[in-house]
Amino acid sequence: MNLQDGRNITLTSTELGELWKNYIGESLLDCVYSHFLTNVDDERIKEVIEKAQNMTRKHMSKLKEIFNKEKFPVPTGFGENDLMENAPAIFTDKFYLFYLKEMARINLILFTNALTVSFREDIRTYFDECIDDVSELYHDSLNSMLAKGLIIRAPFIPIPNEVKFVESKDFLHKLVGKQRPMAATEITGMYVNLDSNQLGKSIMMAFSQVIKTKKLKEYMIRGRDISQKNITILQDLLTKDNLPSPQLWDPEVLETTVAPFSEKLMLYHVALANAGSLVNYGVGITSTFRHDIALDFSRLVVEISRFSNDGVKLLIEKGWLEQPPLAADRDELAK
């Protein structure tokens, strides 16, 4: 418990959930970064990965302190048993930077959300520090990508010379003829979701090469193909407005068939990627005015949700899904 205003304040359900979820995610990333560090050649990229791992381990250490103080069992998460020693690289050094950028970006969203549902001052301070950490990691990884020419910037569009107000409902949907050009907010949604799907596709492509269990391999291939479908739809929407798309990362997946991680970690990693993708599409929908784009986003969300649900079923079937803290079952207690 935490002493605040002379009172012992225990953790709320939202604080418990966010801390629990954070620990499992950090333990997974720690394994991933360890594998990256055993295979990276570029010294600048190595420095960024080391910084990311140090950040992750700092978070895990702080989380363990909180759990122990609250007499809450430290989640199992992931560890040495999920990391295969001396496994060859499954990605290039360039992909490591892209991975770090995307992990930092989604974690900025998740940590900000965690902060807004936290009440105790020490928990809010912890998530504040996490936001500062991942913000710095985002800048480091993005600056390294820009310095190495590994990133295509979002497209430039004309800067308005006056304030305008929408005068017709055609702004939302034109029944006949070409739709209006994309708004800047809509382009943002396109680029974020393209990057998210590029990451997901590359991860599942790599995992499908190294996983031995047939059912899991088929699941990874299905996910890879769903990501490619998403990429094609988003690229086509950009092309219709003569806008460029971010580059593909497929060539950065190496031709190895040796697994660097346990199948449990790989399946759980895909589950986390699915959750991140759903968050990105949700944000994209809220910033979209054109009905055709919103409809495409909504259709894609439904398919990703089904795929995600099937992945959770596989985790349960394998006995790999760690149970989050549950509310009290009052009916059961009343028996």
C-alpha atoms as a PDB file:
ATOM      1  CA  MET A   1       0.000   0.000   0.000  1.00  0.00           C
ATOM      2  CA  ASN A   2       0.980   3.643  -0.451  1.00  0.00           C
ATOM      3  CA  LEU A   3       0.683   6.281   2.264  1.00  0.00           C
ATOM      4  CA  GLN A   4      -1.109   9.356   0.920  1.00  0.00           C
ATOM      5  CA  ASP A   5      -2.709  12.114   3.026  1.00  0.00           C
ATOM      6  CA  GLY A   6      -2.292   9.871   6.054  1.00  0.00           C
ATOM      7  CA  ARG A   7      -4.189   7.010   4.407  1.00  0.00           C
ATOM      8  CA  ASN A   8      -3.050   3.688   3.006  1.00  0.00           C
ATOM      9  CA  ILE A   9      -4.087   3.712  -0.645  1.00  0.00           C
ATOM     10  CA  THR A  10      -4.073   0.366  -2.413  1.00  0.00           C
ATOM     11  CA  LEU A  11      -3.855  -0.033  -6.191  1.00  0.00           C
ATOM     12  CA  THR A  12      -7.055   0.475  -8.184  1.00  0.00           C
ATOM     13  CA  SER A  13      -8.207  -2.034 -10.797  1.00  0.00           C
ATOM     14  CA  THR A  14      -7.027   0.227 -13.630  1.00  0.00           C
ATOM     15  CA  GLU A  15      -3.593   0.684 -12.059  1.00  0.00           C
ATOM     16  CA  LEU A  16      -3.255  -3.065 -11.467  1.00  0.00           C
ATOM     17  CA  GLY A  17      -4.234  -3.846 -15.057  1.00  0.00           C
ATOM     18  CA  GLU A  18      -1.857  -1.345 -16.615  1.00  0.00           C
ATOM     19  CA  LEU A  19       1.097  -2.353 -14.421  1.00  0.00           C
ATOM     20  CA  TRP A  20       0.458  -6.058 -15.059  1.00  0.00           C
ATOM     21  CA  LYS A  21       0.193  -5.522 -18.815  1.00  0.00           C
ATOM     22  CA  ASN A  22       3.279  -3.320 -18.813  1.00  0.00           C
ATOM     23  CA  TYR A  23       5.443  -5.919 -17.062  1.00  0.00           C
ATOM     24  CA  ILE A  24       4.575  -8.674 -19.541  1.00  0.00           C
ATOM     25  CA  GLY A  25       5.243  -6.378 -22.491  1.00  0.00           C
ATOM     26  CA  GLU A  26       8.571  -5.177 -21.074  1.00  0.00           C
ATOM     27  CA  SER A  27       9.733  -8.748 -20.384  1.00  0.00           C
ATOM     28  CA  LEU A  28       8.942  -9.682 -23.996  1.00  0.00           C
ATOM     29  CA  LEU A  29      10.842  -6.680 -25.356  1.00  0.00           C
ATOM     30  CA  ASP A  30      13.822  -7.514 -23.129  1.00  0.00           C
ATOM     31  CA  CYS A  31      14.107 -10.902 -24.883  1.00  0.00           C
ATOM     32  CA  VAL A  32      13.741  -9.329 -28.319  1.00  0.00           C
ATOM     33  CA  TYR A  33      16.422  -6.721 -27.613  1.00  0.00           C
ATOM     34  CA  SER A  34      18.787  -9.405 -26.285  1.00  0.00           C
ATOM     35  CA  HIS A  35      18.485 -11.285 -29.594  1.00  0.00           C
ATOM     36  CA  PHE A  36      19.008  -8.071 -31.578  1.00  0.00           C
ATOM     37  CA  LEU A  37      22.162  -7.247 -29.614  1.00  0.00           C
ATOM     38  CA  THR A  38      23.760 -10.627 -30.319  1.00  0.00           C
ATOM     39  CA  ASN A  39      23.392 -10.069 -34.059  1.00  0.00           C
ATOM     40  CA  VAL A  40      23.663  -6.332 -34.736  1.00  0.00           C
ATOM     41  CA  ASP A  41      26.732  -5.101 -36.655  1.00  0.00           C
ATOM     42  CA  ASP A  42      26.137  -1.354 -36.992  1.00  0.00           C
ATOM     43  CA  GLU A  43      27.581   0.436 -33.943  1.00  0.00           C
ATOM     44  CA  ARG A  44      25.110   3.340 -34.005  1.00  0.00           C
ATOM     45  CA  ILE A  45      22.146   0.992 -34.200  1.00  0.00           C
ATOM     46  CA  LYS A  46      23.659  -1.119 -31.425  1.00  0.00           C
ATOM     47  CA  GLU A  47      23.782   1.942 -29.159  1.00  0.00           C
ATOM     48  CA  VAL A  48      20.071   2.613 -29.715  1.00  0.00           C
ATOM     49  CA  ILE A  49      19.168  -1.032 -28.974  1.00  0.00           C
ATOM     50  CA  GLU A  50      21.273  -0.979 -25.792  1.00  0.00           C
ATOM     51  CA  LYS A  51      19.500   2.184 -24.709  1.00  0.00           C
ATOM     52  CA  ALA A  52      16.130   0.538 -25.378  1.00  0.00           C
ATOM     53  CA  GLN A  53      17.046  -2.546 -23.355  1.00  0.00           C
ATOM     54  CA  ASN A  54      18.380  -0.493 -20.445  1.00  0.00           C
ATOM     55  CA  MET A  55      15.095   1.411 -20.435  1.00  0.00           C
ATOM     56  CA  THR A  56      13.099  -1.819 -20.473  1.00  0.00           C
ATOM     57  CA  ARG A  57      15.093  -3.324 -17.605  1.00  0.00           C
ATOM     58  CA  LYS A  58      14.726  -0.138 -15.581  1.00  0.00           C
ATOM     59  CA  HIS A  59      10.952  -0.351 -16.013  1.00  0.00           C
ATOM     60  CA  MET A  60      10.900  -4.034 -15.011  1.00  0.00           C
ATOM     61  CA  SER A  61      12.936  -3.309 -11.890  1.00  0.00           C
ATOM     62  CA  LYS A  62      10.573  -0.517 -10.847  1.00  0.00           C
ATOM     63  CA  LEU A  63       7.533  -2.697 -11.553  1.00  0.00           C
ATOM     64  CA  LYS A  64       8.924  -5.501  -9.385  1.00  0.00           C
ATOM     65  CA  GLU A  65       9.379  -3.012  -6.531  1.00  0.00           C
ATOM     66  CA  ILE A  66       5.753  -1.936  -6.839  1.00  0.00           C
ATOM     67  CA  PHE A  67       4.454  -5.525  -7.039  1.00  0.00           C
ATOM     68  CA  ASN A  68       6.499  -6.652  -4.040  1.00  0.00           C
ATOM     69  CA  LYS A  69       5.401  -3.657  -1.967  1.00  0.00           C
ATOM     70  CA  GLU A  70       1.762  -4.452  -2.769  1.00  0.00           C
ATOM     71  CA  LYS A  71       2.274  -8.194  -2.134  1.00  0.00           C
ATOM     72  CA  PHE A  72       1.085  -8.831  -5.707  1.00  0.00           C
ATOM     73  CA  PRO A  73       2.726 -11.814  -7.479  1.00  0.00           C
ATOM     74  CA  VAL A  74       5.183 -10.685 -10.152  1.00  0.00           C
ATOM     75  CA  PRO A  75       3.809 -11.888 -13.523  1.00  0.00           C
ATOM     76  CA  THR A  76       5.724 -14.726 -15.196  1.00  0.00           C
ATOM     77  CA  GLY A  77       6.026 -12.872 -18.487  1.00  0.00           C
ATOM     78  CA  PHE A  78       9.037 -13.891 -20.555  1.00  0.00           C
ATOM     79  CA  GLY A  79      12.649 -14.676 -19.733  1.00  0.00           C
ATOM     80  CA  GLU A  80      15.696 -16.810 -20.499  1.00  0.00           C
ATOM     81  CA  ASN A  81      13.585 -19.866 -21.417  1.00  0.00           C
ATOM     82  CA  ASP A  82      11.991 -17.871 -24.240  1.00  0.00           C
ATOM     83  CA  LEU A  83      15.305 -16.786 -25.774  1.00  0.00           C
ATOM     84  CA  MET A  84      17.313 -19.234 -27.898  1.00  0.00           C
ATOM     85  CA  GLU A  85      21.034 -18.639 -27.465  1.00  0.00           C
ATOM     86  CA  ASN A  86      23.224 -18.188 -30.535  1.00  0.00           C
ATOM     87  CA  ALA A  87      20.244 -18.112 -32.909  1.00  0.00           C
ATOM     88  CA  PRO A  88      21.101 -16.295 -36.150  1.00  0.00           C
ATOM     89  CA  ALA A  89      19.483 -12.990 -37.024  1.00  0.00           C
ATOM     90  CA  ILE A  90      16.025 -13.058 -38.575  1.00  0.00           C
ATOM     91  CA  PHE A  91      16.107  -9.328 -39.472  1.00  0.00           C
ATOM     92  CA  THR A  92      18.685  -6.889 -40.804  1.00  0.00           C
ATOM     93  CA  ASP A  93      20.154  -4.039 -38.751  1.00  0.00           C
ATOM     94  CA  LYS A  94      17.969  -1.583 -40.676  1.00  0.00           C
ATOM     95  CA  PHE A  95      14.834  -3.385 -39.552  1.00  0.00           C
ATOM     96  CA  TYR A  96      15.944  -3.129 -35.910  1.00  0.00           C
ATOM     97  CA  LEU A  97      15.663   0.669 -36.122  1.00  0.00           C
ATOM     98  CA  PHE A  98      12.222   0.473 -37.716  1.00  0.00           C
ATOM     99  CA  TYR A  99      11.134  -1.958 -34.988  1.00  0.00           C
ATOM    100  CA  LEU A 100      12.416   0.367 -32.236  1.00  0.00           C
ATOM    101  CA  LYS A 101      10.630   3.359 -33.765  1.00  0.00           C
ATOM    102  CA  GLU A 102       7.322   1.505 -33.984  1.00  0.00           C
ATOM    103  CA  MET A 103       7.613   0.072 -30.461  1.00  0.00           C
ATOM    104  CA  ALA A 104       8.331   3.543 -29.084  1.00  0.00           C
ATOM    105  CA  ARG A 105       5.409   5.055 -30.998  1.00  0.00           C
ATOM    106  CA  ILE A 106       2.798   2.553 -29.809  1.00  0.00           C
ATOM    107  CA  ASN A 107       4.188   2.625 -26.262  1.00  0.00           C
ATOM    108  CA  LEU A 108       3.783   6.395 -26.172  1.00  0.00           C
ATOM    109  CA  ILE A 109       0.063   5.841 -26.750  1.00  0.00           C
ATOM    110  CA  LEU A 110      -0.185   2.987 -24.224  1.00  0.00           C
ATOM    111  CA  PHE A 111       1.772   4.755 -21.471  1.00  0.00           C
ATOM    112  CA  THR A 112      -0.237   7.947 -21.937  1.00  0.00           C
ATOM    113  CA  ASN A 113      -3.443   5.955 -21.582  1.00  0.00           C
ATOM    114  CA  ALA A 114      -2.031   4.218 -18.483  1.00  0.00           C
ATOM    115  CA  LEU A 115      -1.231   7.602 -16.945  1.00  0.00           C
ATOM    116  CA  THR A 116      -4.791   8.842 -17.467  1.00  0.00           C
ATOM    117  CA  VAL A 117      -6.291   5.877 -15.581  1.00  0.00           C
ATOM    118  CA  SER A 118      -3.838   6.047 -12.670  1.00  0.00           C
ATOM    119  CA  PHE A 119      -4.614   7.802  -9.387  1.00  0.00           C
ATOM    120  CA  ARG A 120      -1.793   7.167  -6.928  1.00  0.00           C
ATOM    121  CA  GLU A 121       1.015   9.678  -7.176  1.00  0.00           C
ATOM    122  CA  ASP A 122       3.793   7.062  -7.304  1.00  0.00           C
ATOM    123  CA  ILE A 123       2.071   5.215 -10.169  1.00  0.00           C
ATOM    124  CA  ARG A 124       1.515   8.437 -12.075  1.00  0.00           C
ATOM    125  CA  THR A 125       5.175   9.325 -11.552  1.00  0.00           C
ATOM    126  CA  TYR A 126       6.200   5.914 -12.898  1.00  0.00           C
ATOM    127  CA  PHE A 127       4.141   6.280 -16.078  1.00  0.00           C
ATOM    128  CA  ASP A 128       5.385   9.865 -16.503  1.00  0.00           C
ATOM    129  CA  GLU A 129       8.942   8.513 -16.482  1.00  0.00           C
ATOM    130  CA  CYS A 130       7.981   5.794 -18.978  1.00  0.00           C
ATOM    131  CA  ILE A 131       6.560   8.427 -21.339  1.00  0.00           C
ATOM    132  CA  ASP A 132       9.793  10.435 -21.115  1.00  0.00           C
ATOM    133  CA  ASP A 133      11.849   7.279 -21.763  1.00  0.00           C
ATOM    134  CA  VAL A 134       9.950   6.090 -24.843  1.00  0.00           C
ATOM    135  CA  SER A 135       9.749   9.626 -26.212  1.00  0.00           C
ATOM    136  CA  GLU A 136      13.545   9.807 -26.094  1.00  0.00           C
ATOM    137  CA  LEU A 137      13.791   6.354 -27.704  1.00  0.00           C
ATOM    138  CA  TYR A 138      11.425   7.452 -30.468  1.00  0.00           C
ATOM    139  CA  HIS A 139      13.587  10.484 -31.248  1.00  0.00           C
ATOM    140  CA  ASP A 140      16.791   8.410 -31.169  1.00  0.00           C
ATOM    141  CA  SER A 141      15.455   5.712 -33.500  1.00  0.00           C
ATOM    142  CA  LEU A 142      13.813   8.171 -35.903  1.00  0.00           C
ATOM    143  CA  ASN A 143      16.888  10.412 -36.046  1.00  0.00           C
ATOM    144  CA  SER A 144      19.054   7.367 -36.770  1.00  0.00           C
ATOM    145  CA  MET A 145      16.699   6.295 -39.576  1.00  0.00           C
ATOM    146  CA  LEU A 146      16.721   9.782 -41.064  1.00  0.00           C
ATOM    147  CA  ALA A 147      20.530   9.982 -40.841  1.00  0.00           C
ATOM    148  CA  LYS A 148      20.849   6.652 -42.657  1.00  0.00           C
ATOM    149  CA  GLY A 149      18.212   7.503 -45.279  1.00  0.00           C
ATOM    150  CA  LEU A 150      15.999   4.628 -44.167  1.00  0.00           C
ATOM    151  CA  ILE A 151      12.690   6.427 -43.999  1.00  0.00           C
ATOM    152  CA  ILE A 152      10.311   8.061 -46.465  1.00  0.00           C
ATOM    153  CA  ARG A 153       8.745  11.160 -44.949  1.00  0.00           C
ATOM    154  CA  ALA A 154       4.996  11.640 -45.103  1.00  0.00           C
ATOM    155  CA  PRO A 155       4.073  13.579 -48.277  1.00  0.00           C
ATOM    156  CA  PHE A 156       4.118  17.365 -48.435  1.00  0.00           C
ATOM    157  CA  ILE A 157       0.800  19.044 -49.263  1.00  0.00           C
ATOM    158  CA  PRO A 158      -0.007  22.732 -49.933  1.00  0.00           C
ATOM    159  CA  ILE A 159      -0.109  24.943 -46.830  1.00  0.00           C
ATOM    160  CA  PRO A 160      -3.512  26.733 -46.764  1.00  0.00           C
ATOM    161  CA  ASN A 161      -3.345  30.501 -47.335  1.00  0.00           C
ATOM    162  CA  GLU A 162      -6.658  31.147 -45.586  1.00  0.00           C
ATOM    163  CA  VAL A 163      -9.107  29.563 -43.136  1.00  0.00           C
ATOM    164  CA  LYS A 164     -11.977  27.772 -44.864  1.00  0.00           C
ATOM    165  CA  PHE A 165     -15.159  26.086 -43.663  1.00  0.00           C
ATOM    166  CA  VAL A 166     -16.766  23.032 -45.277  1.00  0.00           C
ATOM    167  CA  GLU A 167     -19.698  24.133 -47.429  1.00  0.00           C
ATOM    168  CA  SER A 168     -21.048  20.829 -48.756  1.00  0.00           C
ATOM    169  CA  LYS A 169     -21.762  17.336 -47.464  1.00  0.00           C
ATOM    170  CA  ASP A 170     -19.759  16.147 -50.480  1.00  0.00           C
ATOM    171  CA  PHE A 171     -16.804  16.680 -48.134  1.00  0.00           C
ATOM    172  CA  LEU A 172     -17.942  13.495 -46.391  1.00  0.00           C
ATOM    173  CA  HIS A 173     -19.057  11.458 -49.374  1.00  0.00           C
ATOM    174  CA  LYS A 174     -19.616  12.166 -53.045  1.00  0.00           C
ATOM    175  CA  LEU A 175     -22.221   9.891 -54.578  1.00  0.00           C
ATOM    176  CA  VAL A 176     -21.024  10.424 -58.155  1.00  0.00           C
ATOM    177  CA  GLY A 177     -17.506  11.136 -59.413  1.00  0.00           C
ATOM    178  CA  LYS A 178     -14.128  11.393 -57.732  1.00  0.00           C
ATOM    179  CA  GLN A 179     -13.919  11.899 -53.985  1.00  0.00           C
ATOM    180  CA  ARG A 180     -12.211  15.046 -52.688  1.00  0.00           C
ATOM    181  CA  PRO A 181      -8.455  14.828 -51.987  1.00  0.00           C
ATOM    182  CA  MET A 182      -7.451  13.409 -48.617  1.00  0.00           C
ATOM    183  CA  ALA A 183      -7.227  15.749 -45.667  1.00  0.00           C
ATOM    184  CA  ALA A 184      -3.954  15.975 -43.724  1.00  0.00           C
ATOM    185  CA  THR A 185      -5.544  14.136 -40.773  1.00  0.00           C
ATOM    186  CA  GLU A 186      -6.581  11.285 -43.068  1.00  0.00           C
ATOM    187  CA  ILE A 187      -3.091  10.996 -44.561  1.00  0.00           C
ATOM    188  CA  THR A 188      -1.761  10.655 -41.014  1.00  0.00           C
ATOM    189  CA  GLY A 189      -4.040   7.671 -40.432  1.00  0.00           C
ATOM    190  CA  MET A 190      -2.865   6.098 -43.683  1.00  0.00           C
ATOM    191  CA  TYR A 191       0.821   6.422 -42.838  1.00  0.00           C
ATOM    192  CA  VAL A 192       0.543   5.232 -39.250  1.00  0.00           C
ATOM    193  CA  ASN A 193      -1.456   2.169 -40.282  1.00  0.00           C
ATOM    194  CA  LEU A 194       0.840   1.407 -43.200  1.00  0.00           C
ATOM    195  CA  ASP A 195       3.866   1.405 -40.885  1.00  0.00           C
ATOM    196  CA  SER A 196       1.972  -0.725 -38.370  1.00  0.00           C
ATOM    197  CA  ASN A 197       1.029  -3.283 -41.028  1.00  0.00           C
ATOM    198  CA  GLN A 198       4.528  -3.277 -42.504  1.00  0.00           C
ATOM    199  CA  LEU A 199       5.894  -4.151 -39.075  1.00  0.00           C
ATOM    200  CA  GLY A 200       3.269  -6.832 -38.499  1.00  0.00           C
ATOM    201  CA  LYS A 201       3.780  -8.392 -41.905  1.00  0.00           C
ATOM    202  CA  SER A 202       7.569  -8.564 -41.497  1.00  0.00           C
ATOM    203  CA  ILE A 203       7.307 -10.068 -38.015  1.00  0.00           C
ATOM    204  CA  MET A 204       4.803 -12.721 -39.086  1.00  0.00           C
ATOM    205  CA  MET A 205       6.751 -13.479 -42.258  1.00  0.00           C
ATOM    206  CA  ALA A 206       9.862 -14.113 -40.151  1.00  0.00           C
ATOM    207  CA  PHE A 207       8.011 -16.126 -37.503  1.00  0.00           C
ATOM    208  CA  SER A 208       6.282 -18.271 -40.137  1.00  0.00           C
ATOM    209  CA  GLN A 209       9.759 -19.310 -41.371  1.00  0.00           C
ATOM    210  CA  VAL A 210      11.025 -20.447 -37.970  1.00  0.00           C
ATOM    211  CA  ILE A 211       7.951 -21.841 -36.162  1.00  0.00           C
ATOM    212  CA  LYS A 212       7.700 -25.629 -36.334  1.00  0.00           C
ATOM    213  CA  THR A 213       4.181 -26.263 -35.003  1.00  0.00           C
ATOM    214  CA  LYS A 214       1.918 -26.527 -38.045  1.00  0.00           C
ATOM    215  CA  LYS A 215      -1.093 -24.777 -36.514  1.00  0.00           C
ATOM    216  CA  LEU A 216       1.002 -21.822 -35.386  1.00  0.00           C
ATOM    217  CA  LYS A 217       2.814 -21.636 -38.726  1.00  0.00           C
ATOM    218  CA  GLU A 218      -0.538 -21.491 -40.541  1.00  0.00           C
ATOM    219  CA  TYR A 219      -1.678 -18.744 -38.181  1.00  0.00           C
ATOM    220  CA  MET A 220       1.442 -16.675 -38.925  1.00  0.00           C
ATOM    221  CA  ILE A 221       0.994 -17.110 -42.687  1.00  0.00           C
ATOM    222  CA  ARG A 222      -2.660 -16.064 -42.386  1.00  0.00           C
ATOM    223  CA  GLY A 223      -1.604 -12.967 -40.444  1.00  0.00           C
ATOM    224  CA  ARG A 224       1.108 -12.146 -42.974  1.00  0.00           C
ATOM    225  CA  ASP A 225      -1.492 -12.266 -45.767  1.00  0.00           C
ATOM    226  CA  ILE A 226      -3.987 -10.138 -43.814  1.00  0.00           C
ATOM    227  CA  SER A 227      -1.279  -7.509 -43.287  1.00  0.00           C
ATOM    228  CA  GLN A 228      -0.486  -7.540 -47.008  1.00  0.00           C
ATOM    229  CA  LYS A 229      -4.196  -7.052 -47.774  1.00  0.00           C
ATOM    230  CA  ASN A 230      -4.245  -4.039 -45.445  1.00  0.00           C
ATOM    231  CA  ILE A 231      -1.107  -2.633 -47.061  1.00  0.00           C
ATOM    232  CA  THR A 232      -2.541  -3.002 -50.576  1.00  0.00           C
ATOM    233  CA  ILE A 233      -5.821  -1.250 -49.662  1.00  0.00           C
ATOM    234  CA  LEU A 234      -4.047   1.649 -47.936  1.00  0.00           C
ATOM    235  CA  GLN A 235      -1.498   2.039 -50.745  1.00  0.00           C
ATOM    236  CA  ASP A 236      -4.285   2.079 -53.351  1.00  0.00           C
ATOM    237  CA  LEU A 237      -6.084   4.861 -51.471  1.00  0.00           C
ATOM    238  CA  LEU A 238      -2.891   6.936 -51.420  1.00  0.00           C
ATOM    239  CA  THR A 239      -2.136   6.226 -55.087  1.00  0.00           C
ATOM    240  CA  LYS A 240      -5.594   7.494 -56.142  1.00  0.00           C
ATOM    241  CA  ASP A 241      -4.604  10.854 -54.657  1.00  0.00           C
ATOM    242  CA  ASN A 242      -1.119  10.711 -56.230  1.00  0.00           C
ATOM    243  CA  LEU A 243       0.496  10.350 -52.810  1.00  0.00           C
ATOM    244  CA  PRO A 244       3.575   8.187 -52.131  1.00  0.00           C
ATOM    245  CA  SER A 245       3.578   5.199 -49.743  1.00  0.00           C
ATOM    246  CA  PRO A 246       6.184   4.237 -47.137  1.00  0.00           C
ATOM    247  CA  GLN A 247       8.688   1.639 -48.308  1.00  0.00           C
ATOM    248  CA  LEU A 248       8.206  -2.098 -47.840  1.00  0.00           C
ATOM    249  CA  TRP A 249      10.339  -3.835 -45.216  1.00  0.00           C
ATOM    250  CA  ASP A 250       9.998  -7.356 -46.659  1.00  0.00           C
ATOM    251  CA  PRO A 251      13.627  -7.427 -47.922  1.00  0.00           C
ATOM    252  CA  GLU A 252      14.841  -6.910 -44.324  1.00  0.00           C
ATOM    253  CA  VAL A 253      13.539 -10.361 -43.288  1.00  0.00           C
ATOM    254  CA  LEU A 254      16.416 -12.812 -43.604  1.00  0.00           C
ATOM    255  CA  GLU A 255      16.175 -16.346 -44.982  1.00  0.00           C
ATOM    256  CA  THR A 256      16.717 -18.232 -41.740  1.00  0.00           C
ATOM    257  CA  THR A 257      14.629 -21.133 -40.424  1.00  0.00           C
ATOM    258  CA  VAL A 258      16.171 -21.162 -36.914  1.00  0.00           C
ATOM    259  CA  ALA A 259      13.877 -19.784 -34.200  1.00  0.00           C
ATOM    260  CA  PRO A 260      15.403 -17.100 -31.933  1.00  0.00           C
ATOM    261  CA  PHE A 261      12.442 -17.185 -29.527  1.00  0.00           C
ATOM    262  CA  SER A 262      10.033 -19.675 -27.992  1.00  0.00           C
ATOM    263  CA  GLU A 263       6.783 -20.258 -29.861  1.00  0.00           C
ATOM    264  CA  LYS A 264       4.984 -18.830 -26.827  1.00  0.00           C
ATOM    265  CA  LEU A 265       6.836 -15.519 -27.176  1.00  0.00           C
ATOM    266  CA  MET A 266       6.286 -15.341 -30.931  1.00  0.00           C
ATOM    267  CA  LEU A 267       2.549 -15.980 -30.648  1.00  0.00           C
ATOM    268  CA  TYR A 268       2.201 -13.474 -27.811  1.00  0.00           C
ATOM    269  CA  HIS A 269       4.210 -10.907 -29.766  1.00  0.00           C
ATOM    270  CA  VAL A 270       1.721 -11.182 -32.619  1.00  0.00           C
ATOM    271  CA  ALA A 271      -1.112 -10.715 -30.104  1.00  0.00           C
ATOM    272  CA  LEU A 272       0.514  -7.468 -28.927  1.00  0.00           C
ATOM    273  CA  ALA A 273       0.983  -6.340 -32.536  1.00  0.00           C
ATOM    274  CA  ASN A 274      -2.706  -7.027 -33.211  1.00  0.00           C
ATOM    275  CA  ALA A 275      -3.699  -4.910 -30.221  1.00  0.00           C
ATOM    276  CA  GLY A 276      -1.469  -2.085 -31.415  1.00  0.00           C
ATOM    277  CA  SER A 277      -2.961  -2.268 -34.895  1.00  0.00           C
ATOM    278  CA  LEU A 278      -6.498  -2.006 -33.528  1.00  0.00           C
ATOM    279  CA  VAL A 279      -5.482   1.067 -31.504  1.00  0.00           C
ATOM    280  CA  ASN A 280      -3.997   2.675 -34.623  1.00  0.00           C
ATOM    281  CA  TYR A 281      -7.097   2.042 -36.736  1.00  0.00           C
ATOM    282  CA  GLY A 282      -9.305   3.355 -33.930  1.00  0.00           C
ATOM    283  CA  VAL A 283      -7.346   6.607 -33.837  1.00  0.00           C
ATOM    284  CA  GLY A 284      -7.399   6.738 -37.653  1.00  0.00           C
ATOM    285  CA  ILE A 285     -11.188   6.391 -37.804  1.00  0.00           C
ATOM    286  CA  THR A 286     -11.681   9.300 -35.390  1.00  0.00           C
ATOM    287  CA  SER A 287      -9.603  11.554 -37.683  1.00  0.00           C
ATOM    288  CA  THR A 288     -11.326  10.521 -40.923  1.00  0.00           C
ATOM    289  CA  PHE A 289     -14.168  12.442 -42.558  1.00  0.00           C
ATOM    290  CA  ARG A 290     -14.409  10.623 -45.901  1.00  0.00           C
ATOM    291  CA  HIS A 291     -16.944   7.785 -45.688  1.00  0.00           C
ATOM    292  CA  ASP A 292     -15.063   5.524 -48.111  1.00  0.00           C
ATOM    293  CA  ILE A 293     -11.879   5.660 -46.009  1.00  0.00           C
ATOM    294  CA  ALA A 294     -13.778   5.168 -42.732  1.00  0.00           C
ATOM    295  CA  LEU A 295     -15.586   2.194 -44.276  1.00  0.00           C
ATOM    296  CA  ASP A 296     -12.306   0.589 -45.387  1.00  0.00           C
ATOM    297  CA  PHE A 297     -10.809   1.117 -41.924  1.00  0.00           C
ATOM    298  CA  SER A 298     -13.880  -0.407 -40.266  1.00  0.00           C
ATOM    299  CA  ARG A 299     -13.814  -3.494 -42.516  1.00  0.00           C
ATOM    300  CA  LEU A 300     -10.130  -4.018 -41.819  1.00  0.00           C
ATOM    301  CA  VAL A 301     -10.703  -3.685 -38.057  1.00  0.00           C
ATOM    302  CA  VAL A 302     -13.299  -6.474 -38.163  1.00  0.00           C
ATOM    303  CA  GLU A 303     -10.880  -8.851 -39.910  1.00  0.00           C
ATOM    304  CA  ILE A 304      -7.999  -7.992 -37.567  1.00  0.00           C
ATOM    305  CA  SER A 305     -10.287  -8.479 -34.551  1.00  0.00           C
ATOM    306  CA  ARG A 306     -11.213 -11.977 -35.729  1.00  0.00           C
ATOM    307  CA  PHE A 307      -7.580 -12.837 -36.351  1.00  0.00           C
ATOM    308  CA  SER A 308      -6.635 -11.459 -32.938  1.00  0.00           C
ATOM    309  CA  ASN A 309      -9.373 -13.488 -31.225  1.00  0.00           C
ATOM    310  CA  ASP A 310      -8.140 -16.678 -32.919  1.00  0.00           C
ATOM    311  CA  GLY A 311      -4.645 -15.916 -31.632  1.00  0.00           C
ATOM    312  CA  VAL A 312      -5.903 -15.585 -28.054  1.00  0.00           C
ATOM    313  CA  LYS A 313      -7.685 -18.936 -28.434  1.00  0.00           C
ATOM    314  CA  LEU A 314      -4.377 -20.488 -29.516  1.00  0.00           C
ATOM    315  CA  LEU A 315      -2.623 -19.014 -26.464  1.00  0.00           C
ATOM    316  CA  ILE A 316      -5.305 -20.520 -24.214  1.00  0.00           C
ATOM    317  CA  GLU A 317      -5.166 -23.866 -26.031  1.00  0.00           C
ATOM    318  CA  LYS A 318      -1.399 -23.999 -25.464  1.00  0.00           C
ATOM    319  CA  GLY A 319      -1.675 -22.908 -21.824  1.00  0.00           C
ATOM    320  CA  TRP A 320       0.357 -19.765 -22.524  1.00  0.00           C
ATOM    321  CA  LEU A 321      -2.135 -17.007 -21.684  1.00  0.00           C
ATOM    322  CA  GLU A 322      -1.331 -15.537 -18.290  1.00  0.00           C
ATOM    323  CA  GLN A 323      -4.525 -14.436 -16.529  1.00  0.00           C
ATOM    324  CA  PRO A 324      -4.829 -10.732 -15.695  1.00  0.00           C
ATOM    325  CA  PRO A 325      -6.148  -9.635 -12.265  1.00  0.00           C
ATOM    326  CA  LEU A 326      -9.908 -10.281 -12.014  1.00  0.00           C
ATOM    327  CA  ALA A 327     -12.686  -8.510 -10.113  1.00  0.00           C
ATOM    328  CA  ALA A 328     -14.237 -10.430  -7.222  1.00  0.00           C
ATOM    329  CA  ASP A 329     -16.884 -12.986  -8.235  1.00  0.00           C
ATOM    330  CA  ARG A 330     -19.613 -11.971  -5.794  1.00  0.00           C
ATOM    331  CA  ASP A 331     -21.969 -14.785  -6.796  1.00  0.00           C
ATOM    332  CA  GLU A 332     -19.245 -17.353  -6.131  1.00  0.00           C
ATOM    333  CA  LEU A 333     -18.380 -15.750  -2.782  1.00  0.00           C
ATOM    334  CA  ALA A 334     -22.035 -15.834  -1.754  1.00  0.00           C
ATOM    335  CA  LYS A 335     -22.307 -19.619  -2.107  1.00  0.00           C
END
